[in-house]
């Protein structure tokens, strides 16, 4: 039995299949932990989502911003963007089966066997893990409830930039979602800069990569995340493992074997 954490697939089915072959993935004994953004921008979003769904008994995935965007488009709360590659899913005969399964996936997955946690964008530096679990669960419950209409209608936006216990309703859900699925740079107060998407060593003034925050609370547990292709799979911080190696941008798709921290890649 082996456990593998894999970065953003983003509709890149051929590299995903290549990677499964390279790690000799056996669905009878191995597990996959996927860092979200299963779909969008790549050439075969439908095939990728079907493949992951096919392996669902051995897959643990978190929701990424592109996954939530797909759900919002399918829900009718927003339109497709020019660079989206989601039409094949939206037109598929099995779309409801695939989307219902996707909507039921969490924002945070615990992997106690490896003293690890996975989210799409990372763990907010000033949030204790117990609080992060609770806040992830809040949004997961909304996605499974009639409040989903309000959620998707208000999901997009960069404000508020920081967390407050006084937040409520759609504004609170948006802030939680942004932290788990869009976070890169934060300031000392833990507020997000969501406009900057570049290199970790070129943050906007007053900001830093979330994992470099000097008062980061959870430093013992291993944090697995995707989302930030510009990191090229390296955070430079112990036990903070970046998994997105930019497959959809011509880089590679990477699997990290959690049992011994060996990396495997297929070039895209």
C-alpha atoms as a PDB file:
ATOM      1  CA  UNK A   1       0.000   0.000   0.000  1.00  0.00           C
ATOM      2  CA  UNK A   2       1.240   3.478  -0.879  1.00  0.00           C
ATOM      3  CA  UNK A   3      -0.242   6.966  -0.576  1.00  0.00           C
ATOM      4  CA  UNK A   4       0.406   9.631  -3.227  1.00  0.00           C
ATOM      5  CA  UNK A   5      -0.345  13.358  -3.150  1.00  0.00           C
ATOM      6  CA  UNK A   6      -0.795  14.834  -6.633  1.00  0.00           C
ATOM      7  CA  UNK A   7      -0.926  18.455  -7.770  1.00  0.00           C
ATOM      8  CA  UNK A   8      -3.454  20.280  -9.936  1.00  0.00           C
ATOM      9  CA  UNK A   9      -4.722  18.162 -12.840  1.00  0.00           C
ATOM     10  CA  UNK A  10      -6.660  20.967 -14.573  1.00  0.00           C
ATOM     11  CA  UNK A  11      -8.053  18.736 -17.287  1.00  0.00           C
ATOM     12  CA  UNK A  12      -4.727  17.151 -18.264  1.00  0.00           C
ATOM     13  CA  UNK A  13      -5.855  13.541 -18.619  1.00  0.00           C
ATOM     14  CA  UNK A  14      -2.905  12.127 -20.577  1.00  0.00           C
ATOM     15  CA  UNK A  15      -0.275  13.261 -18.033  1.00  0.00           C
ATOM     16  CA  UNK A  16      -2.507  11.972 -15.214  1.00  0.00           C
ATOM     17  CA  UNK A  17      -2.690   8.542 -16.813  1.00  0.00           C
ATOM     18  CA  UNK A  18       1.065   8.688 -17.448  1.00  0.00           C
ATOM     19  CA  UNK A  19       1.676   9.456 -13.782  1.00  0.00           C
ATOM     20  CA  UNK A  20      -0.588   6.626 -12.606  1.00  0.00           C
ATOM     21  CA  UNK A  21       1.429   4.273 -14.802  1.00  0.00           C
ATOM     22  CA  UNK A  22       4.735   5.660 -13.571  1.00  0.00           C
ATOM     23  CA  UNK A  23       3.846   5.104  -9.915  1.00  0.00           C
ATOM     24  CA  UNK A  24       2.323   1.698 -10.780  1.00  0.00           C
ATOM     25  CA  UNK A  25      -0.893   2.793  -9.107  1.00  0.00           C
ATOM     26  CA  UNK A  26      -2.904  -0.183  -7.865  1.00  0.00           C
ATOM     27  CA  UNK A  27      -6.504   0.719  -6.909  1.00  0.00           C
ATOM     28  CA  UNK A  28      -6.677  -2.389  -4.726  1.00  0.00           C
ATOM     29  CA  UNK A  29      -4.008  -1.103  -2.359  1.00  0.00           C
ATOM     30  CA  UNK A  30      -2.943   2.505  -3.100  1.00  0.00           C
ATOM     31  CA  UNK A  31      -4.578   5.856  -2.342  1.00  0.00           C
ATOM     32  CA  UNK A  32      -4.473   9.186  -4.163  1.00  0.00           C
ATOM     33  CA  UNK A  33      -4.777  12.570  -2.468  1.00  0.00           C
ATOM     34  CA  UNK A  34      -5.523  15.232  -5.077  1.00  0.00           C
ATOM     35  CA  UNK A  35      -4.893  18.917  -4.358  1.00  0.00           C
ATOM     36  CA  UNK A  36      -7.947  20.196  -6.238  1.00  0.00           C
ATOM     37  CA  UNK A  37      -8.425  22.002  -9.534  1.00  0.00           C
ATOM     38  CA  UNK A  38      -9.257  18.748 -11.252  1.00  0.00           C
ATOM     39  CA  UNK A  39     -10.657  20.637 -14.229  1.00  0.00           C
ATOM     40  CA  UNK A  40     -10.351  23.706 -16.470  1.00  0.00           C
ATOM     41  CA  UNK A  41      -7.769  25.212 -18.788  1.00  0.00           C
ATOM     42  CA  UNK A  42      -6.483  21.806 -19.911  1.00  0.00           C
ATOM     43  CA  UNK A  43      -7.545  19.853 -23.021  1.00  0.00           C
ATOM     44  CA  UNK A  44      -9.772  17.165 -21.472  1.00  0.00           C
ATOM     45  CA  UNK A  45     -11.661  18.342 -18.399  1.00  0.00           C
ATOM     46  CA  UNK A  46     -14.463  15.830 -18.934  1.00  0.00           C
ATOM     47  CA  UNK A  47     -12.120  12.868 -19.346  1.00  0.00           C
ATOM     48  CA  UNK A  48     -10.126  13.904 -16.299  1.00  0.00           C
ATOM     49  CA  UNK A  49     -13.189  14.283 -14.097  1.00  0.00           C
ATOM     50  CA  UNK A  50     -14.536  10.940 -15.308  1.00  0.00           C
ATOM     51  CA  UNK A  51     -11.188   9.262 -14.569  1.00  0.00           C
ATOM     52  CA  UNK A  52     -11.044  10.645 -11.039  1.00  0.00           C
ATOM     53  CA  UNK A  53     -14.682   9.679 -10.471  1.00  0.00           C
ATOM     54  CA  UNK A  54     -13.906   6.189 -11.726  1.00  0.00           C
ATOM     55  CA  UNK A  55     -11.165   5.906  -9.072  1.00  0.00           C
ATOM     56  CA  UNK A  56     -13.252   7.588  -6.369  1.00  0.00           C
ATOM     57  CA  UNK A  57     -13.066   4.680  -3.903  1.00  0.00           C
ATOM     58  CA  UNK A  58      -9.314   5.259  -3.675  1.00  0.00           C
ATOM     59  CA  UNK A  59      -9.280   9.029  -4.147  1.00  0.00           C
ATOM     60  CA  UNK A  60      -9.428  11.836  -1.608  1.00  0.00           C
ATOM     61  CA  UNK A  61      -9.624  15.239  -3.272  1.00  0.00           C
ATOM     62  CA  UNK A  62     -10.180  18.780  -2.071  1.00  0.00           C
ATOM     63  CA  UNK A  63     -12.026  21.482  -3.957  1.00  0.00           C
ATOM     64  CA  UNK A  64      -9.994  24.095  -5.798  1.00  0.00           C
ATOM     65  CA  UNK A  65     -11.078  27.446  -7.205  1.00  0.00           C
ATOM     66  CA  UNK A  66     -11.532  25.993 -10.710  1.00  0.00           C
ATOM     67  CA  UNK A  67     -13.684  23.164  -9.351  1.00  0.00           C
ATOM     68  CA  UNK A  68     -15.904  25.676  -7.562  1.00  0.00           C
ATOM     69  CA  UNK A  69     -16.056  27.793 -10.714  1.00  0.00           C
ATOM     70  CA  UNK A  70     -17.317  24.774 -12.653  1.00  0.00           C
ATOM     71  CA  UNK A  71     -19.997  24.181 -10.039  1.00  0.00           C
ATOM     72  CA  UNK A  72     -21.018  27.850 -10.102  1.00  0.00           C
ATOM     73  CA  UNK A  73     -21.301  27.830 -13.907  1.00  0.00           C
ATOM     74  CA  UNK A  74     -23.318  24.610 -13.824  1.00  0.00           C
ATOM     75  CA  UNK A  75     -25.535  26.125 -11.139  1.00  0.00           C
ATOM     76  CA  UNK A  76     -26.245  29.112 -13.388  1.00  0.00           C
ATOM     77  CA  UNK A  77     -24.729  31.620 -10.979  1.00  0.00           C
ATOM     78  CA  UNK A  78     -22.057  32.848 -13.409  1.00  0.00           C
ATOM     79  CA  UNK A  79     -21.083  32.458 -17.036  1.00  0.00           C
ATOM     80  CA  UNK A  80     -18.099  30.672 -18.511  1.00  0.00           C
ATOM     81  CA  UNK A  81     -14.918  32.659 -19.020  1.00  0.00           C
ATOM     82  CA  UNK A  82     -13.046  32.944 -22.297  1.00  0.00           C
ATOM     83  CA  UNK A  83     -10.266  30.541 -21.252  1.00  0.00           C
ATOM     84  CA  UNK A  84     -12.565  27.951 -19.652  1.00  0.00           C
ATOM     85  CA  UNK A  85     -12.533  24.390 -20.973  1.00  0.00           C
ATOM     86  CA  UNK A  86     -15.680  23.242 -19.201  1.00  0.00           C
ATOM     87  CA  UNK A  87     -18.217  22.930 -22.014  1.00  0.00           C
ATOM     88  CA  UNK A  88     -17.649  19.207 -22.469  1.00  0.00           C
ATOM     89  CA  UNK A  89     -18.598  18.578 -18.845  1.00  0.00           C
ATOM     90  CA  UNK A  90     -21.632  20.842 -18.979  1.00  0.00           C
ATOM     91  CA  UNK A  91     -22.884  19.081 -22.120  1.00  0.00           C
ATOM     92  CA  UNK A  92     -22.154  15.523 -20.959  1.00  0.00           C
ATOM     93  CA  UNK A  93     -24.905  12.988 -20.398  1.00  0.00           C
ATOM     94  CA  UNK A  94     -23.371  12.083 -17.028  1.00  0.00           C
ATOM     95  CA  UNK A  95     -22.826  15.690 -15.896  1.00  0.00           C
ATOM     96  CA  UNK A  96     -25.193  15.425 -12.923  1.00  0.00           C
ATOM     97  CA  UNK A  97     -23.471  12.332 -11.583  1.00  0.00           C
ATOM     98  CA  UNK A  98     -20.049  13.965 -11.913  1.00  0.00           C
ATOM     99  CA  UNK A  99     -21.085  17.346 -10.518  1.00  0.00           C
ATOM    100  CA  UNK A 100     -23.017  15.908  -7.585  1.00  0.00           C
ATOM    101  CA  UNK A 101     -19.922  13.924  -6.628  1.00  0.00           C
ATOM    102  CA  UNK A 102     -17.655  16.953  -7.048  1.00  0.00           C
ATOM    103  CA  UNK A 103     -19.921  19.180  -4.957  1.00  0.00           C
ATOM    104  CA  UNK A 104     -19.670  16.694  -2.081  1.00  0.00           C
ATOM    105  CA  UNK A 105     -15.868  16.941  -1.864  1.00  0.00           C
ATOM    106  CA  UNK A 106     -14.261  18.797   1.074  1.00  0.00           C
ATOM    107  CA  UNK A 107     -12.073  21.886   1.307  1.00  0.00           C
ATOM    108  CA  UNK A 108      -9.702  20.198   3.768  1.00  0.00           C
ATOM    109  CA  UNK A 109      -8.583  16.590   4.114  1.00  0.00           C
ATOM    110  CA  UNK A 110      -6.738  15.193   7.115  1.00  0.00           C
ATOM    111  CA  UNK A 111      -4.183  12.444   6.478  1.00  0.00           C
ATOM    112  CA  UNK A 112      -3.393  11.282  10.024  1.00  0.00           C
ATOM    113  CA  UNK A 113      -1.249   8.344   8.873  1.00  0.00           C
ATOM    114  CA  UNK A 114       1.281  10.897   7.627  1.00  0.00           C
ATOM    115  CA  UNK A 115       0.619  13.661  10.166  1.00  0.00           C
ATOM    116  CA  UNK A 116      -0.521  15.779   7.225  1.00  0.00           C
ATOM    117  CA  UNK A 117      -3.352  17.960   6.009  1.00  0.00           C
ATOM    118  CA  UNK A 118      -4.248  18.919   2.441  1.00  0.00           C
ATOM    119  CA  UNK A 119      -6.096  21.944   1.085  1.00  0.00           C
ATOM    120  CA  UNK A 120      -5.955  23.495  -2.365  1.00  0.00           C
ATOM    121  CA  UNK A 121      -4.105  26.724  -1.535  1.00  0.00           C
ATOM    122  CA  UNK A 122      -2.594  25.966   1.870  1.00  0.00           C
ATOM    123  CA  UNK A 123      -3.343  26.550   5.527  1.00  0.00           C
ATOM    124  CA  UNK A 124      -3.961  30.165   6.562  1.00  0.00           C
ATOM    125  CA  UNK A 125      -0.981  31.029   8.754  1.00  0.00           C
ATOM    126  CA  UNK A 126      -2.925  32.542  11.664  1.00  0.00           C
ATOM    127  CA  UNK A 127      -5.591  29.808  11.771  1.00  0.00           C
ATOM    128  CA  UNK A 128      -5.197  26.894  14.133  1.00  0.00           C
ATOM    129  CA  UNK A 129      -5.873  23.578  12.460  1.00  0.00           C
ATOM    130  CA  UNK A 130      -8.960  22.984  14.595  1.00  0.00           C
ATOM    131  CA  UNK A 131     -10.384  26.332  13.449  1.00  0.00           C
ATOM    132  CA  UNK A 132      -9.495  25.575   9.818  1.00  0.00           C
ATOM    133  CA  UNK A 133     -11.343  22.271  10.055  1.00  0.00           C
ATOM    134  CA  UNK A 134     -14.417  23.970  11.485  1.00  0.00           C
ATOM    135  CA  UNK A 135     -14.430  26.707   8.840  1.00  0.00           C
ATOM    136  CA  UNK A 136     -13.959  24.232   6.003  1.00  0.00           C
ATOM    137  CA  UNK A 137     -16.880  22.244   7.372  1.00  0.00           C
ATOM    138  CA  UNK A 138     -19.056  25.359   7.381  1.00  0.00           C
ATOM    139  CA  UNK A 139     -18.687  25.797   3.634  1.00  0.00           C
ATOM    140  CA  UNK A 140     -18.995  22.078   2.954  1.00  0.00           C
ATOM    141  CA  UNK A 141     -22.343  22.094   4.775  1.00  0.00           C
ATOM    142  CA  UNK A 142     -23.513  25.090   2.758  1.00  0.00           C
ATOM    143  CA  UNK A 143     -22.658  23.297  -0.501  1.00  0.00           C
ATOM    144  CA  UNK A 144     -24.916  20.440   0.625  1.00  0.00           C
ATOM    145  CA  UNK A 145     -27.815  22.701   1.625  1.00  0.00           C
ATOM    146  CA  UNK A 146     -30.413  25.003   0.005  1.00  0.00           C
ATOM    147  CA  UNK A 147     -28.102  27.917   0.929  1.00  0.00           C
ATOM    148  CA  UNK A 148     -25.975  26.924  -2.064  1.00  0.00           C
ATOM    149  CA  UNK A 149     -27.876  29.515  -4.130  1.00  0.00           C
ATOM    150  CA  UNK A 150     -26.651  32.318  -1.867  1.00  0.00           C
ATOM    151  CA  UNK A 151     -23.195  30.807  -1.731  1.00  0.00           C
ATOM    152  CA  UNK A 152     -22.592  30.792  -5.482  1.00  0.00           C
ATOM    153  CA  UNK A 153     -24.310  34.157  -5.973  1.00  0.00           C
ATOM    154  CA  UNK A 154     -21.765  35.708  -3.589  1.00  0.00           C
ATOM    155  CA  UNK A 155     -18.697  33.484  -4.008  1.00  0.00           C
ATOM    156  CA  UNK A 156     -16.682  35.800  -6.256  1.00  0.00           C
ATOM    157  CA  UNK A 157     -14.805  38.779  -4.846  1.00  0.00           C
ATOM    158  CA  UNK A 158     -11.642  39.739  -2.976  1.00  0.00           C
ATOM    159  CA  UNK A 159     -13.206  41.406   0.042  1.00  0.00           C
ATOM    160  CA  UNK A 160     -13.107  41.182   2.973  1.00  0.00           C
ATOM    161  CA  UNK A 161      -9.389  40.518   2.762  1.00  0.00           C
ATOM    162  CA  UNK A 162      -9.011  39.147   6.274  1.00  0.00           C
ATOM    163  CA  UNK A 163     -10.756  36.936   8.769  1.00  0.00           C
ATOM    164  CA  UNK A 164     -13.024  38.154  11.554  1.00  0.00           C
ATOM    165  CA  UNK A 165     -15.097  36.067  13.917  1.00  0.00           C
ATOM    166  CA  UNK A 166     -17.871  38.607  13.365  1.00  0.00           C
ATOM    167  CA  UNK A 167     -18.325  37.628   9.710  1.00  0.00           C
ATOM    168  CA  UNK A 168     -21.575  35.900   8.861  1.00  0.00           C
ATOM    169  CA  UNK A 169     -23.531  34.524   5.918  1.00  0.00           C
ATOM    170  CA  UNK A 170     -22.263  34.778   2.325  1.00  0.00           C
ATOM    171  CA  UNK A 171     -19.470  37.196   3.272  1.00  0.00           C
ATOM    172  CA  UNK A 172     -18.097  34.700   5.786  1.00  0.00           C
ATOM    173  CA  UNK A 173     -18.358  31.848   3.286  1.00  0.00           C
ATOM    174  CA  UNK A 174     -16.494  33.926   0.667  1.00  0.00           C
ATOM    175  CA  UNK A 175     -13.606  34.667   3.032  1.00  0.00           C
ATOM    176  CA  UNK A 176     -13.293  31.013   4.012  1.00  0.00           C
ATOM    177  CA  UNK A 177     -13.382  29.949   0.367  1.00  0.00           C
ATOM    178  CA  UNK A 178     -10.758  32.513  -0.636  1.00  0.00           C
ATOM    179  CA  UNK A 179      -8.379  31.344   2.094  1.00  0.00           C
ATOM    180  CA  UNK A 180      -8.651  27.684   1.150  1.00  0.00           C
ATOM    181  CA  UNK A 181      -8.704  28.003  -2.640  1.00  0.00           C
ATOM    182  CA  UNK A 182      -7.053  31.287  -3.713  1.00  0.00           C
ATOM    183  CA  UNK A 183      -4.493  32.251  -1.040  1.00  0.00           C
ATOM    184  CA  UNK A 184      -0.907  33.051  -1.994  1.00  0.00           C
ATOM    185  CA  UNK A 185       0.308  36.254  -0.333  1.00  0.00           C
ATOM    186  CA  UNK A 186      -0.667  37.533   3.119  1.00  0.00           C
ATOM    187  CA  UNK A 187       0.344  40.471   5.288  1.00  0.00           C
ATOM    188  CA  UNK A 188       1.246  40.424   8.981  1.00  0.00           C
ATOM    189  CA  UNK A 189      -2.434  40.605   9.921  1.00  0.00           C
ATOM    190  CA  UNK A 190      -3.159  37.588   7.756  1.00  0.00           C
ATOM    191  CA  UNK A 191      -5.047  39.583   5.119  1.00  0.00           C
ATOM    192  CA  UNK A 192      -4.942  38.241   1.573  1.00  0.00           C
ATOM    193  CA  UNK A 193      -3.615  39.855  -1.567  1.00  0.00           C
ATOM    194  CA  UNK A 194      -5.585  38.026  -4.260  1.00  0.00           C
ATOM    195  CA  UNK A 195      -4.474  40.134  -7.220  1.00  0.00           C
ATOM    196  CA  UNK A 196      -0.836  38.970  -7.309  1.00  0.00           C
ATOM    197  CA  UNK A 197      -0.117  35.543  -8.794  1.00  0.00           C
ATOM    198  CA  UNK A 198       3.593  35.575  -9.516  1.00  0.00           C
ATOM    199  CA  UNK A 199       6.810  34.376  -7.968  1.00  0.00           C
ATOM    200  CA  UNK A 200       7.055  33.904  -4.220  1.00  0.00           C
ATOM    201  CA  UNK A 201      10.138  36.146  -4.066  1.00  0.00           C
ATOM    202  CA  UNK A 202       8.282  39.088  -5.645  1.00  0.00           C
ATOM    203  CA  UNK A 203       5.403  39.795  -3.252  1.00  0.00           C
ATOM    204  CA  UNK A 204       3.496  43.072  -3.197  1.00  0.00           C
ATOM    205  CA  UNK A 205       4.716  45.583  -0.625  1.00  0.00           C
ATOM    206  CA  UNK A 206       3.848  44.538   2.922  1.00  0.00           C
ATOM    207  CA  UNK A 207       2.977  40.964   1.916  1.00  0.00           C
ATOM    208  CA  UNK A 208       4.720  37.597   1.953  1.00  0.00           C
ATOM    209  CA  UNK A 209       3.961  34.001   0.912  1.00  0.00           C
ATOM    210  CA  UNK A 210       1.541  32.559   3.474  1.00  0.00           C
ATOM    211  CA  UNK A 211       4.049  29.872   4.496  1.00  0.00           C
ATOM    212  CA  UNK A 212       6.694  32.495   5.318  1.00  0.00           C
ATOM    213  CA  UNK A 213       4.524  34.336   7.842  1.00  0.00           C
ATOM    214  CA  UNK A 214       6.639  34.871  11.009  1.00  0.00           C
ATOM    215  CA  UNK A 215       3.740  33.976  13.302  1.00  0.00           C
ATOM    216  CA  UNK A 216       2.521  30.906  11.437  1.00  0.00           C
ATOM    217  CA  UNK A 217       0.586  28.884  13.987  1.00  0.00           C
ATOM    218  CA  UNK A 218       0.717  25.315  12.699  1.00  0.00           C
ATOM    219  CA  UNK A 219       4.369  24.488  12.045  1.00  0.00           C
ATOM    220  CA  UNK A 220       4.485  20.842  13.088  1.00  0.00           C
ATOM    221  CA  UNK A 221       1.944  19.227  10.814  1.00  0.00           C
ATOM    222  CA  UNK A 222       2.808  18.588   7.164  1.00  0.00           C
ATOM    223  CA  UNK A 223       0.836  20.847   4.812  1.00  0.00           C
ATOM    224  CA  UNK A 224       0.157  19.645   1.266  1.00  0.00           C
ATOM    225  CA  UNK A 225      -1.176  22.135  -1.271  1.00  0.00           C
ATOM    226  CA  UNK A 226      -1.393  22.956  -4.962  1.00  0.00           C
ATOM    227  CA  UNK A 227      -2.663  26.128  -6.653  1.00  0.00           C
ATOM    228  CA  UNK A 228       0.643  28.028  -6.971  1.00  0.00           C
ATOM    229  CA  UNK A 229       2.335  26.831 -10.155  1.00  0.00           C
ATOM    230  CA  UNK A 230       5.001  29.541  -9.973  1.00  0.00           C
ATOM    231  CA  UNK A 231       6.526  27.750  -6.965  1.00  0.00           C
ATOM    232  CA  UNK A 232       7.429  24.876  -9.309  1.00  0.00           C
ATOM    233  CA  UNK A 233       6.787  22.403  -6.503  1.00  0.00           C
ATOM    234  CA  UNK A 234       9.045  24.000  -3.876  1.00  0.00           C
ATOM    235  CA  UNK A 235       8.046  26.220  -0.943  1.00  0.00           C
ATOM    236  CA  UNK A 236      11.491  26.268   0.680  1.00  0.00           C
ATOM    237  CA  UNK A 237       9.855  25.572   4.052  1.00  0.00           C
ATOM    238  CA  UNK A 238      10.150  22.256   5.854  1.00  0.00           C
ATOM    239  CA  UNK A 239       6.936  20.187   5.927  1.00  0.00           C
ATOM    240  CA  UNK A 240       5.174  22.596   3.559  1.00  0.00           C
ATOM    241  CA  UNK A 241       4.929  20.672   0.314  1.00  0.00           C
ATOM    242  CA  UNK A 242       3.920  22.452  -2.892  1.00  0.00           C
ATOM    243  CA  UNK A 243       2.467  20.043  -5.451  1.00  0.00           C
ATOM    244  CA  UNK A 244       1.453  22.187  -8.431  1.00  0.00           C
ATOM    245  CA  UNK A 245       4.268  21.957 -10.961  1.00  0.00           C
ATOM    246  CA  UNK A 246       2.408  23.702 -13.766  1.00  0.00           C
ATOM    247  CA  UNK A 247       1.240  20.813 -15.911  1.00  0.00           C
ATOM    248  CA  UNK A 248      -1.380  22.879 -17.715  1.00  0.00           C
ATOM    249  CA  UNK A 249       1.263  25.533 -18.461  1.00  0.00           C
ATOM    250  CA  UNK A 250       3.667  23.067 -20.081  1.00  0.00           C
ATOM    251  CA  UNK A 251       5.431  21.972 -16.911  1.00  0.00           C
ATOM    252  CA  UNK A 252       4.878  18.595 -15.319  1.00  0.00           C
ATOM    253  CA  UNK A 253       2.394  16.685 -13.188  1.00  0.00           C
ATOM    254  CA  UNK A 254       3.886  15.540  -9.902  1.00  0.00           C
ATOM    255  CA  UNK A 255       3.042  12.844  -7.370  1.00  0.00           C
ATOM    256  CA  UNK A 256       4.609  12.855  -3.914  1.00  0.00           C
ATOM    257  CA  UNK A 257       4.738   9.414  -2.271  1.00  0.00           C
ATOM    258  CA  UNK A 258       3.904  10.226   1.324  1.00  0.00           C
ATOM    259  CA  UNK A 259       5.452   7.056   2.687  1.00  0.00           C
ATOM    260  CA  UNK A 260       9.006   8.138   1.842  1.00  0.00           C
ATOM    261  CA  UNK A 261       8.569  11.614   0.238  1.00  0.00           C
ATOM    262  CA  UNK A 262       9.784  10.455  -3.171  1.00  0.00           C
ATOM    263  CA  UNK A 263       8.560  12.541  -6.105  1.00  0.00           C
ATOM    264  CA  UNK A 264       7.482  11.219  -9.488  1.00  0.00           C
ATOM    265  CA  UNK A 265       6.667  13.381 -12.515  1.00  0.00           C
ATOM    266  CA  UNK A 266       5.340  13.198 -16.030  1.00  0.00           C
ATOM    267  CA  UNK A 267       6.152  16.096 -18.327  1.00  0.00           C
ATOM    268  CA  UNK A 268       3.181  17.731 -19.995  1.00  0.00           C
END
